[in-house]
Amino acid sequence: MGLELFVRDEIASKTLTSAKVPQGIRLGEIIATMESEHNTMIAGGVGPTQGKIIRIGHMGVTASPNYILPALSALEKTLKKLGYPVTLNSGVKAAETVLES
């Protein structure tokens, strides 16, 4: 999707992915659009990262492709609607490649 991850892969959590909010887009708009238009909940940062990162949990049942792929699709559509230059299905296709391996 072209988002910048908040932490390097070697120290990233296996149960949460965090990415920096793109410049010019407000986190509140992302969260509200995801929930109202796609029935998908994501979270923002806390403390010093409040308003600066997107957090997507993927543990337990939500680690399944049945949850991950629709969440990524919703995020892509939301970012595109808010003016971020994302290629639709780019994140979904990347996730499918990882999940297949």
Protein backbone atom coordinates (compact mmCIF):
# COMPACT_ATOMS: atom_id res chain seq x y z
CA MET A 1 0.00 0.00 0.00
CA GLY A 2 2.98 2.25 0.34
CA LEU A 3 2.47 2.90 4.05
CA GLU A 4 5.54 3.28 6.21
CA LEU A 5 5.66 0.70 8.99
CA PHE A 6 6.20 2.12 12.47
CA VAL A 7 8.82 -0.46 13.51
CA ARG A 8 11.34 -2.63 11.67
CA ASP A 9 10.33 -6.21 10.84
CA GLU A 10 12.93 -7.71 13.17
CA ILE A 11 11.33 -6.08 16.24
CA ALA A 12 7.70 -6.04 15.08
CA SER A 13 5.02 -7.75 17.11
CA LYS A 14 3.53 -10.93 15.69
CA THR A 15 0.07 -9.88 16.92
CA LEU A 16 -0.08 -6.25 15.81
CA THR A 17 0.97 -4.25 12.77
CA SER A 18 1.47 -0.51 13.08
CA ALA A 19 1.98 1.96 10.26
CA LYS A 20 2.46 5.70 10.19
CA VAL A 21 -0.59 7.76 9.26
CA PRO A 22 0.06 9.30 5.83
CA GLN A 23 0.70 13.04 5.74
CA GLY A 24 -2.40 15.10 5.08
CA ILE A 25 -4.79 12.46 6.44
CA ARG A 26 -6.22 12.54 9.94
CA LEU A 27 -6.30 9.31 11.91
CA GLY A 28 -9.84 10.07 13.10
CA GLU A 29 -11.03 10.13 9.48
CA ILE A 30 -9.46 6.73 8.85
CA ILE A 31 -10.98 5.15 11.95
CA ALA A 32 -14.43 6.67 11.36
CA THR A 33 -14.55 5.68 7.68
CA MET A 34 -13.32 2.16 8.37
CA GLU A 35 -16.03 1.67 10.96
CA SER A 36 -18.96 3.41 9.26
CA GLU A 37 -18.38 2.28 5.68
CA HIS A 38 -16.63 -1.07 6.13
CA ASN A 39 -17.75 -2.25 9.60
CA THR A 40 -14.06 -2.70 10.46
CA MET A 41 -12.37 -1.46 13.60
CA ILE A 42 -8.74 -0.40 13.81
CA ALA A 43 -6.96 1.62 16.45
CA GLY A 44 -4.62 4.54 16.65
CA GLY A 45 -1.53 4.95 18.75
CA VAL A 46 -1.42 5.74 22.46
CA GLY A 47 0.80 8.09 24.43
CA PRO A 48 3.48 9.65 22.22
CA THR A 49 2.15 7.85 19.11
CA GLN A 50 -1.41 9.14 19.52
CA GLY A 51 -2.69 10.39 16.15
CA LYS A 52 0.50 9.29 14.41
CA ILE A 53 0.02 5.56 13.76
CA ILE A 54 -2.60 3.05 12.69
CA ARG A 55 -2.67 -0.22 14.66
CA ILE A 56 -4.22 -3.39 13.24
CA GLY A 57 -4.46 -6.39 15.52
CA HIS A 58 -4.07 -9.90 14.19
CA MET A 59 -4.17 -12.49 16.93
CA GLY A 60 -6.36 -15.48 17.61
CA VAL A 61 -9.31 -15.69 15.25
CA THR A 62 -8.47 -12.31 13.68
CA ALA A 63 -5.19 -13.76 12.39
CA SER A 64 -7.15 -15.72 9.80
CA PRO A 65 -7.35 -14.64 6.15
CA ASN A 66 -11.11 -14.29 6.70
CA TYR A 67 -10.38 -11.21 8.83
CA ILE A 68 -7.03 -9.95 7.59
CA LEU A 69 -7.87 -9.69 3.90
CA PRO A 70 -11.17 -7.78 4.32
CA ALA A 71 -9.50 -5.43 6.83
CA LEU A 72 -6.71 -4.65 4.36
CA SER A 73 -9.21 -4.14 1.56
CA ALA A 74 -11.22 -1.76 3.75
CA LEU A 75 -8.06 0.16 4.67
CA GLU A 76 -7.08 0.49 1.01
CA LYS A 77 -10.54 1.79 0.05
CA THR A 78 -10.59 4.15 3.02
CA LEU A 79 -7.16 5.61 2.25
CA LYS A 80 -8.07 6.04 -1.42
CA LYS A 81 -11.29 7.84 -0.48
CA LEU A 82 -9.31 10.16 1.80
CA GLY A 83 -6.88 11.07 -0.98
CA TYR A 84 -3.96 8.73 -0.38
CA PRO A 85 -2.51 7.36 -3.65
CA VAL A 86 -2.99 3.65 -2.98
CA THR A 87 -3.38 1.03 -5.68
CA LEU A 88 -6.46 -0.96 -4.71
CA ASN A 89 -5.76 -4.63 -3.91
CA SER A 90 -2.00 -4.03 -3.55
CA GLY A 91 -2.02 -4.77 0.18
CA VAL A 92 -4.46 -7.63 -0.19
CA LYS A 93 -2.32 -9.26 -2.88
CA ALA A 94 0.83 -8.85 -0.78
CA ALA A 95 -0.91 -10.41 2.23
CA GLU A 96 -2.19 -13.30 0.12
CA THR A 97 1.37 -14.00 -1.01
CA VAL A 98 2.58 -14.11 2.60
CA LEU A 99 -0.34 -16.24 3.74
CA GLU A 100 0.22 -18.75 0.92
CA SER A 101 3.88 -19.25 1.85
